[in-house]
């Protein structure tokens, strides 16, 4: 009497390729992001790489689904590969999902300021922007009150320091954040107002905004306003408001550590 017939289960090619593509998408996301944030990858090629990453992650999910279907229908091997591919692809797509939510939840702004009535001017940044970048125009709110409603805490701050000391504190805060100053600072004709311009990359992906920090000498105090404008894209996903808040918080920390002045 012959023994039981053993049928070898076939490996699901869909599941195997789903795992390979998902891993490749994850590696490409990490390396391209590092290359853009810290290395030589320009922004426009990086945006195309992000689109490729998203497409590969979606393809991996589709192939993983096919792998699950073959496992259920034919008993093909590949369940673990499909599970791994699904998990990796979802992790890769999380930043894209977060970005989509921000597009839906926040107004379409790429230029944010603490003073919507009289925003700081850019003097040096327009000459540094290339044709493919956003042009620096006069500040405008696409819908009156949209910025105030979305970012109510983005406001200027007053410090009990003179103009020259405030310039030093702003330079220190910018250095702490890794923001590159565009020198020299621009002074008003009467010498009572200074504008310091900075190139500010975002924390993770390194998308650069031009930031103008305006310091107005009020006598015994100085008032600081900021304007942050993205170099690329019509929607900043809240990045400019976050940069302004981060800078002012760091400026507070620097000043308090040095002078512990009264903030109003």
C-alpha atoms as a PDB file:
ATOM      1  CA  UNK A   1       0.000   0.000   0.000  1.00  0.00           C
ATOM      2  CA  UNK A   2       1.481   3.304  -1.036  1.00  0.00           C
ATOM      3  CA  UNK A   3       1.852   6.207   1.378  1.00  0.00           C
ATOM      4  CA  UNK A   4      -0.131   9.445   1.229  1.00  0.00           C
ATOM      5  CA  UNK A   5       0.453  11.603  -1.802  1.00  0.00           C
ATOM      6  CA  UNK A   6       2.274  14.792  -0.908  1.00  0.00           C
ATOM      7  CA  UNK A   7       1.528  17.799  -3.066  1.00  0.00           C
ATOM      8  CA  UNK A   8       4.095  20.563  -2.918  1.00  0.00           C
ATOM      9  CA  UNK A   9       2.532  23.991  -2.518  1.00  0.00           C
ATOM     10  CA  UNK A  10       3.605  26.509  -5.114  1.00  0.00           C
ATOM     11  CA  UNK A  11       5.149  29.780  -4.049  1.00  0.00           C
ATOM     12  CA  UNK A  12       3.102  32.830  -4.938  1.00  0.00           C
ATOM     13  CA  UNK A  13       5.109  35.069  -7.253  1.00  0.00           C
ATOM     14  CA  UNK A  14       2.777  37.955  -6.402  1.00  0.00           C
ATOM     15  CA  UNK A  15       3.592  37.705  -2.712  1.00  0.00           C
ATOM     16  CA  UNK A  16       7.324  37.467  -3.324  1.00  0.00           C
ATOM     17  CA  UNK A  17       7.338  40.482  -5.614  1.00  0.00           C
ATOM     18  CA  UNK A  18       5.073  42.405  -3.227  1.00  0.00           C
ATOM     19  CA  UNK A  19       7.645  42.013  -0.463  1.00  0.00           C
ATOM     20  CA  UNK A  20      10.555  42.942  -2.730  1.00  0.00           C
ATOM     21  CA  UNK A  21       8.822  46.045  -4.068  1.00  0.00           C
ATOM     22  CA  UNK A  22       7.684  47.172  -0.606  1.00  0.00           C
ATOM     23  CA  UNK A  23      11.230  46.863   0.764  1.00  0.00           C
ATOM     24  CA  UNK A  24      12.616  48.731  -2.231  1.00  0.00           C
ATOM     25  CA  UNK A  25      10.044  51.516  -1.744  1.00  0.00           C
ATOM     26  CA  UNK A  26      11.021  51.847   1.923  1.00  0.00           C
ATOM     27  CA  UNK A  27      14.740  51.967   1.128  1.00  0.00           C
ATOM     28  CA  UNK A  28      14.154  54.510  -1.649  1.00  0.00           C
ATOM     29  CA  UNK A  29      12.080  56.689   0.680  1.00  0.00           C
ATOM     30  CA  UNK A  30      14.759  56.723   3.375  1.00  0.00           C
ATOM     31  CA  UNK A  31      17.737  57.260   1.062  1.00  0.00           C
ATOM     32  CA  UNK A  32      16.079  59.932  -1.089  1.00  0.00           C
ATOM     33  CA  UNK A  33      14.864  61.798   1.993  1.00  0.00           C
ATOM     34  CA  UNK A  34      18.342  61.724   3.510  1.00  0.00           C
ATOM     35  CA  UNK A  35      19.804  62.836   0.202  1.00  0.00           C
ATOM     36  CA  UNK A  36      17.434  65.789   0.015  1.00  0.00           C
ATOM     37  CA  UNK A  37      17.665  66.765   3.688  1.00  0.00           C
ATOM     38  CA  UNK A  38      21.422  66.464   4.062  1.00  0.00           C
ATOM     39  CA  UNK A  39      22.884  65.810   0.631  1.00  0.00           C
ATOM     40  CA  UNK A  40      22.863  66.806  -3.021  1.00  0.00           C
ATOM     41  CA  UNK A  41      19.379  65.708  -4.152  1.00  0.00           C
ATOM     42  CA  UNK A  42      17.528  68.797  -5.526  1.00  0.00           C
ATOM     43  CA  UNK A  43      13.898  69.393  -4.605  1.00  0.00           C
ATOM     44  CA  UNK A  44      12.232  68.753  -7.970  1.00  0.00           C
ATOM     45  CA  UNK A  45      13.907  65.326  -8.508  1.00  0.00           C
ATOM     46  CA  UNK A  46      13.093  64.517  -4.888  1.00  0.00           C
ATOM     47  CA  UNK A  47       9.405  65.238  -5.504  1.00  0.00           C
ATOM     48  CA  UNK A  48       9.464  62.847  -8.455  1.00  0.00           C
ATOM     49  CA  UNK A  49      11.148  60.236  -6.274  1.00  0.00           C
ATOM     50  CA  UNK A  50       8.376  60.622  -3.702  1.00  0.00           C
ATOM     51  CA  UNK A  51       5.789  59.982  -6.411  1.00  0.00           C
ATOM     52  CA  UNK A  52       7.684  56.858  -7.459  1.00  0.00           C
ATOM     53  CA  UNK A  53       7.845  55.694  -3.836  1.00  0.00           C
ATOM     54  CA  UNK A  54       4.098  56.142  -3.405  1.00  0.00           C
ATOM     55  CA  UNK A  55       3.407  54.291  -6.663  1.00  0.00           C
ATOM     56  CA  UNK A  56       5.662  51.392  -5.656  1.00  0.00           C
ATOM     57  CA  UNK A  57       3.988  51.139  -2.243  1.00  0.00           C
ATOM     58  CA  UNK A  58       0.537  50.994  -3.851  1.00  0.00           C
ATOM     59  CA  UNK A  59       1.778  48.359  -6.310  1.00  0.00           C
ATOM     60  CA  UNK A  60       3.137  46.321  -3.401  1.00  0.00           C
ATOM     61  CA  UNK A  61      -0.267  46.427  -1.718  1.00  0.00           C
ATOM     62  CA  UNK A  62      -1.986  45.253  -4.895  1.00  0.00           C
ATOM     63  CA  UNK A  63       0.471  42.385  -5.318  1.00  0.00           C
ATOM     64  CA  UNK A  64       0.101  41.454  -1.659  1.00  0.00           C
ATOM     65  CA  UNK A  65      -3.658  41.326  -2.139  1.00  0.00           C
ATOM     66  CA  UNK A  66      -3.123  39.008  -5.109  1.00  0.00           C
ATOM     67  CA  UNK A  67      -0.867  36.871  -2.916  1.00  0.00           C
ATOM     68  CA  UNK A  68      -3.573  36.603  -0.259  1.00  0.00           C
ATOM     69  CA  UNK A  69      -6.111  35.663  -2.937  1.00  0.00           C
ATOM     70  CA  UNK A  70      -3.900  32.870  -4.286  1.00  0.00           C
ATOM     71  CA  UNK A  71      -3.308  31.625  -0.743  1.00  0.00           C
ATOM     72  CA  UNK A  72      -7.049  31.462  -0.141  1.00  0.00           C
ATOM     73  CA  UNK A  73      -8.041  30.042  -3.512  1.00  0.00           C
ATOM     74  CA  UNK A  74      -5.139  27.697  -4.366  1.00  0.00           C
ATOM     75  CA  UNK A  75      -3.215  27.320  -1.151  1.00  0.00           C
ATOM     76  CA  UNK A  76      -0.070  28.875  -2.644  1.00  0.00           C
ATOM     77  CA  UNK A  77       2.729  29.738  -0.257  1.00  0.00           C
ATOM     78  CA  UNK A  78       3.300  33.433   0.370  1.00  0.00           C
ATOM     79  CA  UNK A  79       1.122  34.462   3.283  1.00  0.00           C
ATOM     80  CA  UNK A  80       4.038  35.731   5.362  1.00  0.00           C
ATOM     81  CA  UNK A  81       5.538  37.599   2.407  1.00  0.00           C
ATOM     82  CA  UNK A  82       2.168  39.248   1.728  1.00  0.00           C
ATOM     83  CA  UNK A  83       1.794  40.267   5.370  1.00  0.00           C
ATOM     84  CA  UNK A  84       5.281  41.775   5.458  1.00  0.00           C
ATOM     85  CA  UNK A  85       4.710  43.565   2.179  1.00  0.00           C
ATOM     86  CA  UNK A  86       1.420  44.993   3.459  1.00  0.00           C
ATOM     87  CA  UNK A  87       2.930  46.257   6.702  1.00  0.00           C
ATOM     88  CA  UNK A  88       5.954  47.840   5.004  1.00  0.00           C
ATOM     89  CA  UNK A  89       3.831  49.452   2.276  1.00  0.00           C
ATOM     90  CA  UNK A  90       1.460  50.925   4.868  1.00  0.00           C
ATOM     91  CA  UNK A  91       4.400  52.390   6.782  1.00  0.00           C
ATOM     92  CA  UNK A  92       5.764  53.889   3.568  1.00  0.00           C
ATOM     93  CA  UNK A  93       2.384  55.411   2.724  1.00  0.00           C
ATOM     94  CA  UNK A  94       1.821  56.939   6.171  1.00  0.00           C
ATOM     95  CA  UNK A  95       3.599  60.237   5.324  1.00  0.00           C
ATOM     96  CA  UNK A  96       1.545  60.520   2.143  1.00  0.00           C
ATOM     97  CA  UNK A  97      -1.668  59.903   4.056  1.00  0.00           C
ATOM     98  CA  UNK A  98      -0.686  62.525   6.613  1.00  0.00           C
ATOM     99  CA  UNK A  99       0.043  64.994   3.807  1.00  0.00           C
ATOM    100  CA  UNK A 100      -3.327  64.301   2.203  1.00  0.00           C
ATOM    101  CA  UNK A 101      -5.065  64.951   5.520  1.00  0.00           C
ATOM    102  CA  UNK A 102      -3.195  68.246   5.917  1.00  0.00           C
ATOM    103  CA  UNK A 103      -4.230  69.323   2.414  1.00  0.00           C
ATOM    104  CA  UNK A 104      -7.846  68.660   3.382  1.00  0.00           C
ATOM    105  CA  UNK A 105      -7.715  70.191   6.869  1.00  0.00           C
ATOM    106  CA  UNK A 106      -5.583  73.303   6.311  1.00  0.00           C
ATOM    107  CA  UNK A 107      -5.966  76.303   3.973  1.00  0.00           C
ATOM    108  CA  UNK A 108      -3.874  76.413   0.810  1.00  0.00           C
ATOM    109  CA  UNK A 109      -1.054  78.638   2.018  1.00  0.00           C
ATOM    110  CA  UNK A 110       2.607  78.699   1.068  1.00  0.00           C
ATOM    111  CA  UNK A 111       3.400  82.060   2.682  1.00  0.00           C
ATOM    112  CA  UNK A 112       2.652  82.678   6.375  1.00  0.00           C
ATOM    113  CA  UNK A 113       3.374  85.717   8.552  1.00  0.00           C
ATOM    114  CA  UNK A 114       2.881  86.889  12.100  1.00  0.00           C
ATOM    115  CA  UNK A 115       1.732  90.305  10.841  1.00  0.00           C
ATOM    116  CA  UNK A 116      -0.953  89.973   8.171  1.00  0.00           C
ATOM    117  CA  UNK A 117      -1.539  93.744   8.051  1.00  0.00           C
ATOM    118  CA  UNK A 118       2.105  94.673   7.465  1.00  0.00           C
ATOM    119  CA  UNK A 119       4.175  91.532   6.818  1.00  0.00           C
ATOM    120  CA  UNK A 120       7.977  91.632   6.768  1.00  0.00           C
ATOM    121  CA  UNK A 121       9.503  92.232   3.357  1.00  0.00           C
ATOM    122  CA  UNK A 122      12.023  90.002   1.605  1.00  0.00           C
ATOM    123  CA  UNK A 123      15.000  91.932   0.273  1.00  0.00           C
ATOM    124  CA  UNK A 124      17.511  89.175  -0.561  1.00  0.00           C
ATOM    125  CA  UNK A 125      15.362  86.073  -1.144  1.00  0.00           C
ATOM    126  CA  UNK A 126      13.793  87.168  -4.473  1.00  0.00           C
ATOM    127  CA  UNK A 127      17.231  87.245  -6.069  1.00  0.00           C
ATOM    128  CA  UNK A 128      18.018  83.737  -4.787  1.00  0.00           C
ATOM    129  CA  UNK A 129      14.957  82.032  -6.256  1.00  0.00           C
ATOM    130  CA  UNK A 130      15.135  80.279  -9.606  1.00  0.00           C
ATOM    131  CA  UNK A 131      12.441  80.123 -12.283  1.00  0.00           C
ATOM    132  CA  UNK A 132      10.974  76.816 -11.070  1.00  0.00           C
ATOM    133  CA  UNK A 133      10.507  78.123  -7.523  1.00  0.00           C
ATOM    134  CA  UNK A 134       7.487  79.990  -6.219  1.00  0.00           C
ATOM    135  CA  UNK A 135       7.763  83.720  -7.005  1.00  0.00           C
ATOM    136  CA  UNK A 136       7.870  85.973  -3.959  1.00  0.00           C
ATOM    137  CA  UNK A 137       4.898  88.280  -4.300  1.00  0.00           C
ATOM    138  CA  UNK A 138       3.234  90.656  -1.896  1.00  0.00           C
ATOM    139  CA  UNK A 139       1.711  88.639   0.933  1.00  0.00           C
ATOM    140  CA  UNK A 140      -1.967  87.805   0.602  1.00  0.00           C
ATOM    141  CA  UNK A 141      -4.445  85.558   2.390  1.00  0.00           C
ATOM    142  CA  UNK A 142      -6.366  83.507  -0.227  1.00  0.00           C
ATOM    143  CA  UNK A 143      -9.441  83.719   1.968  1.00  0.00           C
ATOM    144  CA  UNK A 144      -9.679  86.618   4.447  1.00  0.00           C
ATOM    145  CA  UNK A 145      -9.042  85.227   7.899  1.00  0.00           C
ATOM    146  CA  UNK A 146      -7.909  81.800   6.666  1.00  0.00           C
ATOM    147  CA  UNK A 147      -4.483  82.045   8.268  1.00  0.00           C
ATOM    148  CA  UNK A 148      -5.794  83.457  11.539  1.00  0.00           C
ATOM    149  CA  UNK A 149      -8.355  80.667  11.794  1.00  0.00           C
ATOM    150  CA  UNK A 150      -5.875  77.911  10.980  1.00  0.00           C
ATOM    151  CA  UNK A 151      -2.912  79.285  12.970  1.00  0.00           C
ATOM    152  CA  UNK A 152      -4.219  81.579  15.739  1.00  0.00           C
ATOM    153  CA  UNK A 153      -0.959  81.357  17.738  1.00  0.00           C
ATOM    154  CA  UNK A 154       1.219  82.644  14.874  1.00  0.00           C
ATOM    155  CA  UNK A 155       1.770  86.148  16.223  1.00  0.00           C
ATOM    156  CA  UNK A 156       4.736  88.434  16.833  1.00  0.00           C
ATOM    157  CA  UNK A 157       6.435  88.833  20.206  1.00  0.00           C
ATOM    158  CA  UNK A 158       7.855  91.729  22.217  1.00  0.00           C
ATOM    159  CA  UNK A 159      11.110  91.516  24.151  1.00  0.00           C
ATOM    160  CA  UNK A 160      12.793  93.851  26.615  1.00  0.00           C
ATOM    161  CA  UNK A 161      16.022  93.974  24.626  1.00  0.00           C
ATOM    162  CA  UNK A 162      17.480  96.633  22.316  1.00  0.00           C
ATOM    163  CA  UNK A 163      17.715  96.142  18.574  1.00  0.00           C
ATOM    164  CA  UNK A 164      21.374  95.153  18.439  1.00  0.00           C
ATOM    165  CA  UNK A 165      21.034  92.527  21.165  1.00  0.00           C
ATOM    166  CA  UNK A 166      17.923  91.131  19.516  1.00  0.00           C
ATOM    167  CA  UNK A 167      19.854  90.675  16.279  1.00  0.00           C
ATOM    168  CA  UNK A 168      22.391  88.594  18.181  1.00  0.00           C
ATOM    169  CA  UNK A 169      19.657  86.489  19.787  1.00  0.00           C
ATOM    170  CA  UNK A 170      17.971  85.897  16.419  1.00  0.00           C
ATOM    171  CA  UNK A 171      21.295  84.781  14.927  1.00  0.00           C
ATOM    172  CA  UNK A 172      21.848  82.366  17.833  1.00  0.00           C
ATOM    173  CA  UNK A 173      18.346  80.892  17.527  1.00  0.00           C
ATOM    174  CA  UNK A 174      18.796  80.435  13.777  1.00  0.00           C
ATOM    175  CA  UNK A 175      22.119  78.676  14.343  1.00  0.00           C
ATOM    176  CA  UNK A 176      20.500  76.357  16.905  1.00  0.00           C
ATOM    177  CA  UNK A 177      17.900  75.332  14.330  1.00  0.00           C
ATOM    178  CA  UNK A 178      20.414  74.925  11.519  1.00  0.00           C
ATOM    179  CA  UNK A 179      18.885  77.761   9.490  1.00  0.00           C
ATOM    180  CA  UNK A 180      21.283  79.465   7.117  1.00  0.00           C
ATOM    181  CA  UNK A 181      21.396  83.288   7.289  1.00  0.00           C
ATOM    182  CA  UNK A 182      21.407  85.315   4.088  1.00  0.00           C
ATOM    183  CA  UNK A 183      23.693  88.165   5.045  1.00  0.00           C
ATOM    184  CA  UNK A 184      23.801  91.016   5.575  1.00  0.00           C
ATOM    185  CA  UNK A 185      20.772  92.100   7.604  1.00  0.00           C
ATOM    186  CA  UNK A 186      18.734  94.849   5.945  1.00  0.00           C
ATOM    187  CA  UNK A 187      18.359  98.033   7.997  1.00  0.00           C
ATOM    188  CA  UNK A 188      15.683 100.676   7.515  1.00  0.00           C
ATOM    189  CA  UNK A 189      16.686 104.237   6.634  1.00  0.00           C
ATOM    190  CA  UNK A 190      16.192 105.439  10.212  1.00  0.00           C
ATOM    191  CA  UNK A 191      18.055 102.469  11.671  1.00  0.00           C
ATOM    192  CA  UNK A 192      15.146 101.453  13.891  1.00  0.00           C
ATOM    193  CA  UNK A 193      14.229  98.302  11.977  1.00  0.00           C
ATOM    194  CA  UNK A 194      16.338  95.304  10.937  1.00  0.00           C
ATOM    195  CA  UNK A 195      15.324  92.374   8.734  1.00  0.00           C
ATOM    196  CA  UNK A 196      17.286  89.140   8.890  1.00  0.00           C
ATOM    197  CA  UNK A 197      16.622  86.576   6.152  1.00  0.00           C
ATOM    198  CA  UNK A 198      17.158  82.852   6.633  1.00  0.00           C
ATOM    199  CA  UNK A 199      16.933  79.635   4.597  1.00  0.00           C
ATOM    200  CA  UNK A 200      14.968  77.206   6.764  1.00  0.00           C
ATOM    201  CA  UNK A 201      14.688  73.473   5.905  1.00  0.00           C
ATOM    202  CA  UNK A 202      11.827  71.406   7.313  1.00  0.00           C
ATOM    203  CA  UNK A 203      12.728  68.903  10.010  1.00  0.00           C
ATOM    204  CA  UNK A 204      12.263  65.606   8.165  1.00  0.00           C
ATOM    205  CA  UNK A 205      12.105  66.090   4.410  1.00  0.00           C
ATOM    206  CA  UNK A 206      14.216  69.249   4.204  1.00  0.00           C
ATOM    207  CA  UNK A 207      11.820  71.414   2.179  1.00  0.00           C
ATOM    208  CA  UNK A 208      13.282  74.923   2.338  1.00  0.00           C
ATOM    209  CA  UNK A 209      11.389  78.103   3.106  1.00  0.00           C
ATOM    210  CA  UNK A 210      12.740  81.635   3.040  1.00  0.00           C
ATOM    211  CA  UNK A 211      12.179  83.294   6.400  1.00  0.00           C
ATOM    212  CA  UNK A 212      12.309  87.030   7.089  1.00  0.00           C
ATOM    213  CA  UNK A 213      12.724  88.046  10.733  1.00  0.00           C
ATOM    214  CA  UNK A 214      11.865  91.715  11.268  1.00  0.00           C
ATOM    215  CA  UNK A 215      12.997  93.413  14.482  1.00  0.00           C
ATOM    216  CA  UNK A 216      11.486  96.800  15.257  1.00  0.00           C
ATOM    217  CA  UNK A 217      13.151  99.033  17.869  1.00  0.00           C
ATOM    218  CA  UNK A 218      10.427 100.413  20.149  1.00  0.00           C
ATOM    219  CA  UNK A 219      12.764 102.182  22.540  1.00  0.00           C
ATOM    220  CA  UNK A 220      12.873 100.077  25.698  1.00  0.00           C
ATOM    221  CA  UNK A 221      11.592  97.006  23.864  1.00  0.00           C
ATOM    222  CA  UNK A 222      11.905  95.304  20.487  1.00  0.00           C
ATOM    223  CA  UNK A 223       9.097  93.665  18.533  1.00  0.00           C
ATOM    224  CA  UNK A 224       9.788  90.602  16.394  1.00  0.00           C
ATOM    225  CA  UNK A 225       7.679  89.530  13.407  1.00  0.00           C
ATOM    226  CA  UNK A 226       8.339  86.686  10.984  1.00  0.00           C
ATOM    227  CA  UNK A 227       7.328  85.674   7.500  1.00  0.00           C
ATOM    228  CA  UNK A 228       7.992  82.199   6.102  1.00  0.00           C
ATOM    229  CA  UNK A 229       7.466  81.405   2.401  1.00  0.00           C
ATOM    230  CA  UNK A 230       7.910  77.985   0.770  1.00  0.00           C
ATOM    231  CA  UNK A 231      10.194  77.762  -2.240  1.00  0.00           C
ATOM    232  CA  UNK A 232       8.130  74.968  -3.817  1.00  0.00           C
ATOM    233  CA  UNK A 233       4.470  73.976  -3.815  1.00  0.00           C
ATOM    234  CA  UNK A 234       1.186  75.820  -3.502  1.00  0.00           C
ATOM    235  CA  UNK A 235       0.347  74.150  -0.172  1.00  0.00           C
ATOM    236  CA  UNK A 236       2.870  74.037   2.652  1.00  0.00           C
ATOM    237  CA  UNK A 237       0.930  71.438   4.710  1.00  0.00           C
ATOM    238  CA  UNK A 238       1.310  73.699   7.743  1.00  0.00           C
ATOM    239  CA  UNK A 239       5.099  73.715   7.527  1.00  0.00           C
ATOM    240  CA  UNK A 240       5.596  77.498   7.510  1.00  0.00           C
ATOM    241  CA  UNK A 241       3.450  78.050  10.584  1.00  0.00           C
ATOM    242  CA  UNK A 242       5.336  75.255  12.338  1.00  0.00           C
ATOM    243  CA  UNK A 243       8.671  76.858  11.419  1.00  0.00           C
ATOM    244  CA  UNK A 244       7.584  80.219  12.795  1.00  0.00           C
ATOM    245  CA  UNK A 245       6.379  78.653  16.045  1.00  0.00           C
ATOM    246  CA  UNK A 246       9.559  76.594  16.374  1.00  0.00           C
ATOM    247  CA  UNK A 247      11.771  79.620  15.780  1.00  0.00           C
ATOM    248  CA  UNK A 248       9.952  81.829  18.296  1.00  0.00           C
ATOM    249  CA  UNK A 249      10.023  79.079  20.913  1.00  0.00           C
ATOM    250  CA  UNK A 250      13.753  78.627  20.389  1.00  0.00           C
ATOM    251  CA  UNK A 251      14.255  82.405  20.473  1.00  0.00           C
ATOM    252  CA  UNK A 252      12.445  82.527  23.819  1.00  0.00           C
ATOM    253  CA  UNK A 253      14.704  79.771  25.135  1.00  0.00           C
ATOM    254  CA  UNK A 254      17.866  81.524  23.964  1.00  0.00           C
ATOM    255  CA  UNK A 255      16.861  84.865  25.450  1.00  0.00           C
ATOM    256  CA  UNK A 256      15.677  83.412  28.741  1.00  0.00           C
ATOM    257  CA  UNK A 257      18.925  81.468  29.109  1.00  0.00           C
ATOM    258  CA  UNK A 258      20.914  84.651  28.502  1.00  0.00           C
ATOM    259  CA  UNK A 259      18.872  87.490  30.015  1.00  0.00           C
ATOM    260  CA  UNK A 260      15.623  86.076  31.422  1.00  0.00           C
ATOM    261  CA  UNK A 261      13.758  89.198  30.213  1.00  0.00           C
ATOM    262  CA  UNK A 262      10.092  89.927  30.608  1.00  0.00           C
ATOM    263  CA  UNK A 263       8.010  88.749  27.638  1.00  0.00           C
ATOM    264  CA  UNK A 264       4.841  90.642  26.863  1.00  0.00           C
END
